[in-house]
Amino acid sequence: MKKSIKMKIALAGAGLVAAIAIPLGAIAYPMFGWEHVYYSDASHTTVVGEETMYCTGKKNLRWGEITAYYDEELIDCHDPIEPPRYWPE
């Protein structure tokens, strides 16, 4: 009888952990990453920096500075065509 109670407690604990962990994995990554090219002014003639947010949610300032003037290219994180290019090395 003691084994039965311990087994029920163990199964309930495993179920609780699974119920918490599965939804967290589903919302952990963004739907889109992006690449920003930053410019010195509104004319967008002089590039002063680049930044990327990967599909893992991790940002990487490649070089330069961040300004209010930028072009943005979205990266579809669910695009199966070339997934390796979306992940940081």
PDB file of N, CA and C in Angstrom:
ATOM      1  N   MET A   1       0.822  -1.189   0.000  1.00  0.00           N
ATOM      2  CA  MET A   1       0.000   0.000   0.000  1.00  0.00           C
ATOM      3  C   MET A   1       0.868   1.255   0.000  1.00  0.00           C
ATOM      4  N   LYS A   2       2.009   1.224   0.708  1.00  0.00           N
ATOM      5  CA  LYS A   2       2.893   2.392   0.734  1.00  0.00           C
ATOM      6  C   LYS A   2       3.483   2.658  -0.646  1.00  0.00           C
ATOM      7  N   LYS A   3       3.761   1.597  -1.397  1.00  0.00           N
ATOM      8  CA  LYS A   3       4.290   1.767  -2.744  1.00  0.00           C
ATOM      9  C   LYS A   3       3.271   2.462  -3.639  1.00  0.00           C
ATOM     10  N   SER A   4       2.017   2.154  -3.452  1.00  0.00           N
ATOM     11  CA  SER A   4       0.957   2.750  -4.255  1.00  0.00           C
ATOM     12  C   SER A   4       0.871   4.260  -4.011  1.00  0.00           C
ATOM     13  N   ILE A   5       0.968   4.691  -2.776  1.00  0.00           N
ATOM     14  CA  ILE A   5       0.908   6.114  -2.441  1.00  0.00           C
ATOM     15  C   ILE A   5       2.135   6.835  -2.987  1.00  0.00           C
ATOM     16  N   LYS A   6       3.306   6.230  -2.839  1.00  0.00           N
ATOM     17  CA  LYS A   6       4.537   6.840  -3.354  1.00  0.00           C
ATOM     18  C   LYS A   6       4.487   6.964  -4.874  1.00  0.00           C
ATOM     19  N   MET A   7       3.929   5.935  -5.516  1.00  0.00           N
ATOM     20  CA  MET A   7       3.824   5.966  -6.973  1.00  0.00           C
ATOM     21  C   MET A   7       2.878   7.088  -7.416  1.00  0.00           C
ATOM     22  N   LYS A   8       1.769   7.260  -6.729  1.00  0.00           N
ATOM     23  CA  LYS A   8       0.814   8.320  -7.060  1.00  0.00           C
ATOM     24  C   LYS A   8       1.437   9.702  -6.872  1.00  0.00           C
ATOM     25  N   ILE A   9       2.197   9.866  -5.801  1.00  0.00           N
ATOM     26  CA  ILE A   9       2.860  11.146  -5.550  1.00  0.00           C
ATOM     27  C   ILE A   9       3.904  11.426  -6.633  1.00  0.00           C
ATOM     28  N   ALA A  10       4.662  10.392  -7.005  1.00  0.00           N
ATOM     29  CA  ALA A  10       5.683  10.560  -8.048  1.00  0.00           C
ATOM     30  C   ALA A  10       5.042  10.911  -9.383  1.00  0.00           C
ATOM     31  N   LEU A  11       3.969  10.247  -9.734  1.00  0.00           N
ATOM     32  CA  LEU A  11       3.294  10.529 -10.995  1.00  0.00           C
ATOM     33  C   LEU A  11       2.671  11.929 -10.999  1.00  0.00           C
ATOM     34  N   ALA A  12       2.102  12.326  -9.866  1.00  0.00           N
ATOM     35  CA  ALA A  12       1.524  13.664  -9.767  1.00  0.00           C
ATOM     36  C   ALA A  12       2.615  14.727  -9.911  1.00  0.00           C
ATOM     37  N   GLY A  13       3.769  14.494  -9.287  1.00  0.00           N
ATOM     38  CA  GLY A  13       4.888  15.437  -9.398  1.00  0.00           C
ATOM     39  C   GLY A  13       5.404  15.535 -10.824  1.00  0.00           C
ATOM     40  N   ALA A  14       5.528  14.392 -11.505  1.00  0.00           N
ATOM     41  CA  ALA A  14       5.982  14.392 -12.895  1.00  0.00           C
ATOM     42  C   ALA A  14       4.982  15.109 -13.790  1.00  0.00           C
ATOM     43  N   GLY A  15       3.714  14.898 -13.550  1.00  0.00           N
ATOM     44  CA  GLY A  15       2.680  15.581 -14.326  1.00  0.00           C
ATOM     45  C   GLY A  15       2.713  17.075 -14.119  1.00  0.00           C
ATOM     46  N   LEU A  16       2.956  17.509 -12.890  1.00  0.00           N
ATOM     47  CA  LEU A  16       3.039  18.932 -12.584  1.00  0.00           C
ATOM     48  C   LEU A  16       4.227  19.575 -13.299  1.00  0.00           C
ATOM     49  N   VAL A  17       5.365  18.919 -13.256  1.00  0.00           N
ATOM     50  CA  VAL A  17       6.555  19.445 -13.933  1.00  0.00           C
ATOM     51  C   VAL A  17       6.310  19.542 -15.436  1.00  0.00           C
ATOM     52  N   ALA A  18       5.705  18.517 -16.028  1.00  0.00           N
ATOM     53  CA  ALA A  18       5.417  18.538 -17.466  1.00  0.00           C
ATOM     54  C   ALA A  18       4.416  19.639 -17.805  1.00  0.00           C
ATOM     55  N   ALA A  19       3.417  19.822 -16.962  1.00  0.00           N
ATOM     56  CA  ALA A  19       2.398  20.851 -17.224  1.00  0.00           C
ATOM     57  C   ALA A  19       2.993  22.254 -17.181  1.00  0.00           C
ATOM     58  N   ILE A  20       4.037  22.449 -16.398  1.00  0.00           N
ATOM     59  CA  ILE A  20       4.694  23.755 -16.320  1.00  0.00           C
ATOM     60  C   ILE A  20       5.714  23.922 -17.444  1.00  0.00           C
ATOM     61  N   ALA A  21       6.483  22.887 -17.730  1.00  0.00           N
ATOM     62  CA  ALA A  21       7.593  22.988 -18.672  1.00  0.00           C
ATOM     63  C   ALA A  21       7.150  23.077 -20.132  1.00  0.00           C
ATOM     64  N   ILE A  22       6.130  22.372 -20.531  1.00  0.00           N
ATOM     65  CA  ILE A  22       5.723  22.341 -21.943  1.00  0.00           C
ATOM     66  C   ILE A  22       5.292  23.715 -22.446  1.00  0.00           C
ATOM     67  N   PRO A  23       4.417  24.449 -21.742  1.00  0.00           N
ATOM     68  CA  PRO A  23       4.058  25.783 -22.247  1.00  0.00           C
ATOM     69  C   PRO A  23       5.228  26.758 -22.264  1.00  0.00           C
ATOM     70  N   LEU A  24       6.171  26.642 -21.333  1.00  0.00           N
ATOM     71  CA  LEU A  24       7.318  27.543 -21.327  1.00  0.00           C
ATOM     72  C   LEU A  24       8.172  27.346 -22.567  1.00  0.00           C
ATOM     73  N   GLY A  25       8.328  26.112 -23.002  1.00  0.00           N
ATOM     74  CA  GLY A  25       9.089  25.844 -24.211  1.00  0.00           C
ATOM     75  C   GLY A  25       8.415  26.397 -25.447  1.00  0.00           C
ATOM     76  N   ALA A  26       7.114  26.425 -25.441  1.00  0.00           N
ATOM     77  CA  ALA A  26       6.378  26.904 -26.609  1.00  0.00           C
ATOM     78  C   ALA A  26       6.475  28.412 -26.782  1.00  0.00           C
ATOM     79  N   ILE A  27       6.674  29.171 -25.714  1.00  0.00           N
ATOM     80  CA  ILE A  27       6.727  30.627 -25.818  1.00  0.00           C
ATOM     81  C   ILE A  27       8.135  31.188 -25.654  1.00  0.00           C
ATOM     82  N   ALA A  28       9.130  30.346 -25.635  1.00  0.00           N
ATOM     83  CA  ALA A  28      10.485  30.795 -25.341  1.00  0.00           C
ATOM     84  C   ALA A  28      11.114  31.598 -26.478  1.00  0.00           C
ATOM     85  N   TYR A  29      10.744  31.334 -27.721  1.00  0.00           N
ATOM     86  CA  TYR A  29      11.398  31.985 -28.847  1.00  0.00           C
ATOM     87  C   TYR A  29      10.436  32.912 -29.581  1.00  0.00           C
ATOM     88  N   PRO A  30      10.954  34.018 -30.123  1.00  0.00           N
ATOM     89  CA  PRO A  30      10.088  34.948 -30.859  1.00  0.00           C
ATOM     90  C   PRO A  30       9.696  34.373 -32.223  1.00  0.00           C
ATOM     91  N   MET A  31       8.643  34.913 -32.815  1.00  0.00           N
ATOM     92  CA  MET A  31       8.228  34.484 -34.155  1.00  0.00           C
ATOM     93  C   MET A  31       9.149  35.057 -35.226  1.00  0.00           C
ATOM     94  N   PHE A  32       9.736  36.209 -34.936  1.00  0.00           N
ATOM     95  CA  PHE A  32      10.618  36.863 -35.898  1.00  0.00           C
ATOM     96  C   PHE A  32      11.894  37.335 -35.210  1.00  0.00           C
ATOM     97  N   GLY A  33      12.989  37.198 -35.912  1.00  0.00           N
ATOM     98  CA  GLY A  33      14.220  37.865 -35.538  1.00  0.00           C
ATOM     99  C   GLY A  33      14.336  39.074 -36.456  1.00  0.00           C
ATOM    100  N   TRP A  34      15.394  39.843 -36.316  1.00  0.00           N
ATOM    101  CA  TRP A  34      15.581  40.993 -37.187  1.00  0.00           C
ATOM    102  C   TRP A  34      17.043  41.357 -37.307  1.00  0.00           C
ATOM    103  N   GLU A  35      17.319  42.085 -38.370  1.00  0.00           N
ATOM    104  CA  GLU A  35      18.633  42.682 -38.573  1.00  0.00           C
ATOM    105  C   GLU A  35      18.426  44.172 -38.775  1.00  0.00           C
ATOM    106  N   HIS A  36      19.150  44.984 -38.020  1.00  0.00           N
ATOM    107  CA  HIS A  36      19.079  46.438 -38.154  1.00  0.00           C
ATOM    108  C   HIS A  36      20.398  46.948 -38.710  1.00  0.00           C
ATOM    109  N   VAL A  37      20.298  47.852 -39.653  1.00  0.00           N
ATOM    110  CA  VAL A  37      21.454  48.595 -40.142  1.00  0.00           C
ATOM    111  C   VAL A  37      21.218  50.034 -39.700  1.00  0.00           C
ATOM    112  N   TYR A  38      22.128  50.566 -38.873  1.00  0.00           N
ATOM    113  CA  TYR A  38      21.971  51.913 -38.306  1.00  0.00           C
ATOM    114  C   TYR A  38      22.711  52.944 -39.134  1.00  0.00           C
ATOM    115  N   TYR A  39      22.086  54.136 -39.252  1.00  0.00           N
ATOM    116  CA  TYR A  39      22.645  55.232 -40.031  1.00  0.00           C
ATOM    117  C   TYR A  39      22.884  56.445 -39.144  1.00  0.00           C
ATOM    118  N   SER A  40      23.747  57.341 -39.615  1.00  0.00           N
ATOM    119  CA  SER A  40      24.112  58.519 -38.816  1.00  0.00           C
ATOM    120  C   SER A  40      22.992  59.554 -38.747  1.00  0.00           C
ATOM    121  N   ASP A  41      22.144  59.615 -39.802  1.00  0.00           N
ATOM    122  CA  ASP A  41      21.048  60.594 -39.811  1.00  0.00           C
ATOM    123  C   ASP A  41      19.888  60.083 -40.664  1.00  0.00           C
ATOM    124  N   ALA A  42      18.870  60.908 -40.798  1.00  0.00           N
ATOM    125  CA  ALA A  42      17.653  60.509 -41.496  1.00  0.00           C
ATOM    126  C   ALA A  42      17.844  60.286 -42.998  1.00  0.00           C
ATOM    127  N   SER A  43      18.935  60.751 -43.547  1.00  0.00           N
ATOM    128  CA  SER A  43      19.169  60.563 -44.986  1.00  0.00           C
ATOM    129  C   SER A  43      19.602  59.126 -45.315  1.00  0.00           C
ATOM    130  N   HIS A  44      19.994  58.362 -44.310  1.00  0.00           N
ATOM    131  CA  HIS A  44      20.400  56.947 -44.462  1.00  0.00           C
ATOM    132  C   HIS A  44      21.535  56.781 -45.471  1.00  0.00           C
ATOM    133  N   THR A  45      22.516  57.658 -45.414  1.00  0.00           N
ATOM    134  CA  THR A  45      23.646  57.565 -46.341  1.00  0.00           C
ATOM    135  C   THR A  45      24.895  56.976 -45.691  1.00  0.00           C
ATOM    136  N   THR A  46      25.120  57.234 -44.399  1.00  0.00           N
ATOM    137  CA  THR A  46      26.324  56.756 -43.731  1.00  0.00           C
ATOM    138  C   THR A  46      25.961  55.695 -42.699  1.00  0.00           C
ATOM    139  N   VAL A  47      26.411  54.463 -42.946  1.00  0.00           N
ATOM    140  CA  VAL A  47      26.155  53.355 -42.020  1.00  0.00           C
ATOM    141  C   VAL A  47      27.096  53.488 -40.836  1.00  0.00           C
ATOM    142  N   VAL A  48      26.528  53.400 -39.607  1.00  0.00           N
ATOM    143  CA  VAL A  48      27.351  53.534 -38.404  1.00  0.00           C
ATOM    144  C   VAL A  48      27.286  52.291 -37.501  1.00  0.00           C
ATOM    145  N   GLY A  49      26.459  51.293 -37.862  1.00  0.00           N
ATOM    146  CA  GLY A  49      26.399  50.090 -37.045  1.00  0.00           C
ATOM    147  C   GLY A  49      25.408  49.070 -37.564  1.00  0.00           C
ATOM    148  N   GLU A  50      25.539  47.845 -37.049  1.00  0.00           N
ATOM    149  CA  GLU A  50      24.621  46.757 -37.379  1.00  0.00           C
ATOM    150  C   GLU A  50      24.332  45.950 -36.128  1.00  0.00           C
ATOM    151  N   GLU A  51      23.091  45.497 -36.017  1.00  0.00           N
ATOM    152  CA  GLU A  51      22.673  44.687 -34.864  1.00  0.00           C
ATOM    153  C   GLU A  51      21.712  43.612 -35.354  1.00  0.00           C
ATOM    154  N   THR A  52      21.755  42.438 -34.720  1.00  0.00           N
ATOM    155  CA  THR A  52      20.874  41.328 -35.075  1.00  0.00           C
ATOM    156  C   THR A  52      20.224  40.767 -33.826  1.00  0.00           C
ATOM    157  N   MET A  53      18.941  40.425 -33.920  1.00  0.00           N
ATOM    158  CA  MET A  53      18.301  39.622 -32.889  1.00  0.00           C
ATOM    159  C   MET A  53      17.986  38.284 -33.528  1.00  0.00           C
ATOM    160  N   TYR A  54      18.605  37.230 -32.995  1.00  0.00           N
ATOM    161  CA  TYR A  54      18.430  35.899 -33.547  1.00  0.00           C
ATOM    162  C   TYR A  54      17.106  35.297 -33.101  1.00  0.00           C
ATOM    163  N   CYS A  55      16.744  34.199 -33.693  1.00  0.00           N
ATOM    164  CA  CYS A  55      15.494  33.518 -33.355  1.00  0.00           C
ATOM    165  C   CYS A  55      15.515  32.926 -31.948  1.00  0.00           C
ATOM    166  N   THR A  56      16.652  32.906 -31.325  1.00  0.00           N
ATOM    167  CA  THR A  56      16.751  32.458 -29.937  1.00  0.00           C
ATOM    168  C   THR A  56      16.368  33.568 -28.972  1.00  0.00           C
ATOM    169  N   GLY A  57      16.175  34.787 -29.479  1.00  0.00           N
ATOM    170  CA  GLY A  57      15.880  35.937 -28.640  1.00  0.00           C
ATOM    171  C   GLY A  57      17.133  36.665 -28.184  1.00  0.00           C
ATOM    172  N   LYS A  58      18.283  36.178 -28.605  1.00  0.00           N
ATOM    173  CA  LYS A  58      19.561  36.767 -28.214  1.00  0.00           C
ATOM    174  C   LYS A  58      19.957  37.877 -29.191  1.00  0.00           C
ATOM    175  N   LYS A  59      20.325  39.052 -28.650  1.00  0.00           N
ATOM    176  CA  LYS A  59      20.766  40.166 -29.485  1.00  0.00           C
ATOM    177  C   LYS A  59      22.280  40.151 -29.629  1.00  0.00           C
ATOM    178  N   ASN A  60      22.741  40.660 -30.750  1.00  0.00           N
ATOM    179  CA  ASN A  60      24.165  40.744 -31.007  1.00  0.00           C
ATOM    180  C   ASN A  60      24.453  42.039 -31.758  1.00  0.00           C
ATOM    181  N   LEU A  61      25.180  42.956 -31.120  1.00  0.00           N
ATOM    182  CA  LEU A  61      25.627  44.173 -31.802  1.00  0.00           C
ATOM    183  C   LEU A  61      26.902  43.796 -32.546  1.00  0.00           C
ATOM    184  N   ARG A  62      26.798  43.706 -33.843  1.00  0.00           N
ATOM    185  CA  ARG A  62      27.942  43.280 -34.635  1.00  0.00           C
ATOM    186  C   ARG A  62      29.071  44.299 -34.581  1.00  0.00           C
ATOM    187  N   TRP A  63      28.703  45.555 -34.776  1.00  0.00           N
ATOM    188  CA  TRP A  63      29.724  46.603 -34.729  1.00  0.00           C
ATOM    189  C   TRP A  63      29.024  47.951 -34.699  1.00  0.00           C
ATOM    190  N   GLY A  64      29.758  48.975 -34.308  1.00  0.00           N
ATOM    191  CA  GLY A  64      29.282  50.341 -34.395  1.00  0.00           C
ATOM    192  C   GLY A  64      28.366  50.785 -33.277  1.00  0.00           C
ATOM    193  N   GLU A  65      27.497  51.731 -33.624  1.00  0.00           N
ATOM    194  CA  GLU A  65      26.614  52.332 -32.624  1.00  0.00           C
ATOM    195  C   GLU A  65      25.158  52.204 -33.037  1.00  0.00           C
ATOM    196  N   ILE A  66      24.291  52.317 -32.049  1.00  0.00           N
ATOM    197  CA  ILE A  66      22.848  52.258 -32.261  1.00  0.00           C
ATOM    198  C   ILE A  66      22.315  53.683 -32.310  1.00  0.00           C
ATOM    199  N   THR A  67      21.569  53.992 -33.362  1.00  0.00           N
ATOM    200  CA  THR A  67      20.962  55.316 -33.500  1.00  0.00           C
ATOM    201  C   THR A  67      19.458  55.159 -33.743  1.00  0.00           C
ATOM    202  N   ALA A  68      18.774  56.270 -33.826  1.00  0.00           N
ATOM    203  CA  ALA A  68      17.329  56.246 -34.088  1.00  0.00           C
ATOM    204  C   ALA A  68      17.026  56.000 -35.565  1.00  0.00           C
ATOM    205  N   TYR A  69      18.037  56.016 -36.418  1.00  0.00           N
ATOM    206  CA  TYR A  69      17.844  55.880 -37.860  1.00  0.00           C
ATOM    207  C   TYR A  69      18.337  54.519 -38.312  1.00  0.00           C
ATOM    208  N   TYR A  70      17.416  53.654 -38.714  1.00  0.00           N
ATOM    209  CA  TYR A  70      17.818  52.315 -39.122  1.00  0.00           C
ATOM    210  C   TYR A  70      16.842  51.731 -40.128  1.00  0.00           C
ATOM    211  N   ASP A  71      17.347  50.734 -40.872  1.00  0.00           N
ATOM    212  CA  ASP A  71      16.525  49.893 -41.733  1.00  0.00           C
ATOM    213  C   ASP A  71      16.420  48.543 -41.036  1.00  0.00           C
ATOM    214  N   GLU A  72      15.259  47.922 -41.163  1.00  0.00           N
ATOM    215  CA  GLU A  72      15.024  46.648 -40.483  1.00  0.00           C
ATOM    216  C   GLU A  72      14.654  45.574 -41.499  1.00  0.00           C
ATOM    217  N   GLU A  73      15.293  44.415 -41.361  1.00  0.00           N
ATOM    218  CA  GLU A  73      14.935  43.250 -42.166  1.00  0.00           C
ATOM    219  C   GLU A  73      14.474  42.167 -41.198  1.00  0.00           C
ATOM    220  N   LEU A  74      13.240  41.703 -41.356  1.00  0.00           N
ATOM    221  CA  LEU A  74      12.706  40.666 -40.481  1.00  0.00           C
ATOM    222  C   LEU A  74      13.178  39.293 -40.933  1.00  0.00           C
ATOM    223  N   ILE A  75      13.390  38.412 -39.955  1.00  0.00           N
ATOM    224  CA  ILE A  75      13.777  37.034 -40.207  1.00  0.00           C
ATOM    225  C   ILE A  75      12.660  36.156 -39.667  1.00  0.00           C
ATOM    226  N   ASP A  76      12.050  35.352 -40.527  1.00  0.00           N
ATOM    227  CA  ASP A  76      10.982  34.451 -40.107  1.00  0.00           C
ATOM    228  C   ASP A  76      11.611  33.254 -39.404  1.00  0.00           C
ATOM    229  N   CYS A  77      11.382  33.124 -38.118  1.00  0.00           N
ATOM    230  CA  CYS A  77      11.994  32.051 -37.331  1.00  0.00           C
ATOM    231  C   CYS A  77      11.364  30.692 -37.601  1.00  0.00           C
ATOM    232  N   HIS A  78      10.258  30.652 -38.311  1.00  0.00           N
ATOM    233  CA  HIS A  78       9.595  29.383 -38.591  1.00  0.00           C
ATOM    234  C   HIS A  78       9.718  29.002 -40.058  1.00  0.00           C
ATOM    235  N   ASP A  79      10.638  29.646 -40.759  1.00  0.00           N
ATOM    236  CA  ASP A  79      10.864  29.376 -42.177  1.00  0.00           C
ATOM    237  C   ASP A  79      11.783  28.157 -42.304  1.00  0.00           C
ATOM    238  N   PRO A  80      11.293  27.064 -42.868  1.00  0.00           N
ATOM    239  CA  PRO A  80      12.109  25.839 -42.938  1.00  0.00           C
ATOM    240  C   PRO A  80      13.133  25.820 -44.066  1.00  0.00           C
ATOM    241  N   ILE A  81      13.181  26.854 -44.902  1.00  0.00           N
ATOM    242  CA  ILE A  81      14.045  26.809 -46.082  1.00  0.00           C
ATOM    243  C   ILE A  81      15.527  26.775 -45.711  1.00  0.00           C
ATOM    244  N   GLU A  82      15.996  27.705 -44.885  1.00  0.00           N
ATOM    245  CA  GLU A  82      17.402  27.757 -44.505  1.00  0.00           C
ATOM    246  C   GLU A  82      17.560  28.007 -43.013  1.00  0.00           C
ATOM    247  N   PRO A  83      17.121  27.117 -42.137  1.00  0.00           N
ATOM    248  CA  PRO A  83      17.180  27.391 -40.705  1.00  0.00           C
ATOM    249  C   PRO A  83      18.570  27.667 -40.138  1.00  0.00           C
ATOM    250  N   PRO A  84      19.667  27.066 -40.631  1.00  0.00           N
ATOM    251  CA  PRO A  84      20.966  27.327 -40.000  1.00  0.00           C
ATOM    252  C   PRO A  84      21.400  28.794 -40.007  1.00  0.00           C
ATOM    253  N   ARG A  85      20.972  29.586 -40.988  1.00  0.00           N
ATOM    254  CA  ARG A  85      21.432  30.979 -41.037  1.00  0.00           C
ATOM    255  C   ARG A  85      20.781  31.852 -39.964  1.00  0.00           C
ATOM    256  N   TYR A  86      19.768  31.327 -39.291  1.00  0.00           N
ATOM    257  CA  TYR A  86      19.062  32.110 -38.283  1.00  0.00           C
ATOM    258  C   TYR A  86      19.643  31.971 -36.875  1.00  0.00           C
ATOM    259  N   TRP A  87      20.606  31.121 -36.688  1.00  0.00           N
ATOM    260  CA  TRP A  87      21.126  30.849 -35.344  1.00  0.00           C
ATOM    261  C   TRP A  87      22.533  31.395 -35.204  1.00  0.00           C
ATOM    262  N   PRO A  88      22.854  31.934 -34.038  1.00  0.00           N
ATOM    263  CA  PRO A  88      24.218  32.464 -33.840  1.00  0.00           C
ATOM    264  C   PRO A  88      25.229  31.337 -33.841  1.00  0.00           C
ATOM    265  N   GLU A  89      26.407  31.648 -34.296  1.00  0.00           N
ATOM    266  CA  GLU A  89      27.460  30.635 -34.336  1.00  0.00           C
ATOM    267  C   GLU A  89      28.214  30.572 -33.042  1.00  0.00           C
TER     268      GLU A  89
END
